[in-house]
Protein backbone atom coordinates (compact mmCIF):
# COMPACT_ATOMS: atom_id res chain seq x y z
CA UNK A 1 0.03 -11.89 23.01
CA UNK A 2 -1.05 -11.93 19.38
CA UNK A 3 -4.64 -12.90 18.73
CA UNK A 4 -5.85 -14.77 15.68
CA UNK A 5 -8.89 -12.94 14.44
CA UNK A 6 -11.66 -14.79 12.61
CA UNK A 7 -12.84 -11.53 11.05
CA UNK A 8 -12.04 -7.82 10.90
CA UNK A 9 -14.36 -4.87 11.52
CA UNK A 10 -14.23 -1.86 9.22
CA UNK A 11 -16.18 1.38 9.55
CA UNK A 12 -17.81 2.72 6.38
CA UNK A 13 -18.03 6.52 6.22
CA UNK A 14 -18.60 8.29 9.57
CA UNK A 15 -22.11 7.20 10.62
CA UNK A 16 -20.87 4.76 13.27
CA UNK A 17 -18.36 7.30 14.58
CA UNK A 18 -21.15 9.86 15.08
CA UNK A 19 -23.26 7.25 16.89
CA UNK A 20 -20.30 6.24 19.07
CA UNK A 21 -19.94 9.83 20.32
CA UNK A 22 -23.47 9.67 21.79
CA UNK A 23 -22.64 6.69 24.04
CA UNK A 24 -21.47 6.82 27.65
CA UNK A 25 -18.25 5.09 28.72
CA UNK A 26 -19.92 1.91 30.07
CA UNK A 27 -22.01 1.42 26.93
CA UNK A 28 -18.96 2.00 24.76
CA UNK A 29 -17.06 -0.61 26.76
CA UNK A 30 -19.89 -3.09 26.10
CA UNK A 31 -19.89 -2.23 22.37
CA UNK A 32 -16.17 -2.98 22.13
CA UNK A 33 -16.55 -6.23 24.10
CA UNK A 34 -19.10 -7.40 21.54
CA UNK A 35 -16.86 -6.22 18.66
CA UNK A 36 -14.05 -8.33 20.16
CA UNK A 37 -16.37 -11.34 20.40
CA UNK A 38 -17.36 -10.90 16.74
CA UNK A 39 -13.70 -10.72 15.72
CA UNK A 40 -12.64 -13.77 17.75
CA UNK A 41 -15.50 -16.28 17.64
CA UNK A 42 -16.24 -18.36 14.55
CA UNK A 43 -19.97 -18.70 15.27
CA UNK A 44 -21.30 -15.55 16.94
CA UNK A 45 -24.51 -16.13 18.95
CA UNK A 46 -27.65 -14.48 17.49
CA UNK A 47 -27.95 -12.61 20.78
CA UNK A 48 -25.08 -10.42 19.53
CA UNK A 49 -25.21 -10.63 15.72
CA UNK A 50 -28.33 -11.38 13.74
CA UNK A 51 -29.40 -11.15 10.11
CA UNK A 52 -32.33 -8.87 9.42
CA UNK A 53 -35.35 -10.56 7.88
CA UNK A 54 -36.38 -9.12 4.54
CA UNK A 55 -33.13 -7.15 4.14
CA UNK A 56 -30.76 -9.36 2.16
CA UNK A 57 -27.19 -9.18 3.42
CA UNK A 58 -27.90 -6.76 6.27
CA UNK A 59 -27.11 -7.68 9.88
CA UNK A 60 -27.48 -6.00 13.23
CA UNK A 61 -25.01 -6.07 16.09
CA UNK A 62 -27.08 -6.19 19.25
CA UNK A 63 -25.96 -4.46 22.44
CA UNK A 64 -27.79 -4.48 25.74
CA UNK A 65 -26.48 -2.18 28.47
CA UNK A 66 -28.54 -2.03 31.66
CA UNK A 67 -32.08 -1.52 30.35
CA UNK A 68 -30.98 0.14 27.09
CA UNK A 69 -30.86 -1.57 23.71
CA UNK A 70 -28.59 -0.47 20.89
CA UNK A 71 -28.22 -1.68 17.31
CA UNK A 72 -25.37 -1.23 14.87
CA UNK A 73 -26.06 -2.26 11.29
CA UNK A 74 -23.43 -4.06 9.27
CA UNK A 75 -22.81 -6.48 6.44
CA UNK A 76 -20.20 -9.06 5.55
CA UNK A 77 -17.75 -8.69 2.70
CA UNK A 78 -15.22 -11.25 1.50
CA UNK A 79 -16.42 -13.67 4.17
CA UNK A 80 -14.53 -12.33 7.14
CA UNK A 81 -14.77 -8.57 6.86
CA UNK A 82 -17.61 -6.89 8.75
CA UNK A 83 -18.52 -3.43 7.47
CA UNK A 84 -20.09 -1.16 10.12
CA UNK A 85 -22.78 1.31 9.10
CA UNK A 86 -25.15 3.33 11.29
CA UNK A 87 -26.19 2.69 14.88
CA UNK A 88 -28.99 3.86 17.14
CA UNK A 89 -30.59 3.37 20.53
CA UNK A 90 -33.63 1.15 20.22
CA UNK A 91 -36.64 2.57 22.05
CA UNK A 92 -39.46 0.42 20.66
CA UNK A 93 -40.01 -3.27 19.91
CA UNK A 94 -39.84 -2.67 16.18
CA UNK A 95 -36.66 -1.42 14.52
CA UNK A 96 -37.45 1.92 12.82
CA UNK A 97 -37.81 1.56 9.04
CA UNK A 98 -35.88 4.82 8.59
CA UNK A 99 -32.82 3.28 10.28
CA UNK A 100 -33.11 0.07 8.24
CA UNK A 101 -33.47 2.01 4.99
CA UNK A 102 -30.42 4.12 5.86
CA UNK A 103 -28.35 0.99 6.58
CA UNK A 104 -29.50 -0.65 3.35
CA UNK A 105 -28.61 2.48 1.35
CA UNK A 106 -25.16 2.58 3.00
CA UNK A 107 -24.59 -1.10 2.20
CA UNK A 108 -25.54 -0.51 -1.44
CA UNK A 109 -23.24 2.54 -1.60
CA UNK A 110 -20.37 0.55 -0.05
CA UNK A 111 -20.59 -2.22 -2.66
CA UNK A 112 -21.02 0.28 -5.52
CA UNK A 113 -17.88 2.16 -4.44
CA UNK A 114 -15.98 -1.08 -4.06
CA UNK A 115 -17.08 -2.24 -7.50
CA UNK A 116 -15.99 1.07 -9.08
CA UNK A 117 -12.62 0.85 -7.35
CA UNK A 118 -12.07 -2.73 -8.55
CA UNK A 119 -13.20 -2.01 -12.10
CA UNK A 120 -11.77 1.48 -12.45
């Protein structure tokens, strides 16, 4: 059965891949269930995908597995393309600034590389 996807997910560099290797099988299964939801549903609930206040264009994919919280940063490009950046296990209420700064730097780098490719 062929599915009609609303959007595609693309990994930028290898930060997400490194994060993925730290996850157990059940958590990974949950991550991919949420990825599927993001690809298939027009309006993704904020429980799973939320914009980050004060960080223009940056979003977080939110995963809850048992009592553990995980975040994967991403942005949108061309409306329906979701670019995955870094991820981490959330251990405090507040998202670490270091992780946010890293995601923001990766987003900037992604768009700079894309711009160079399109103009070069």
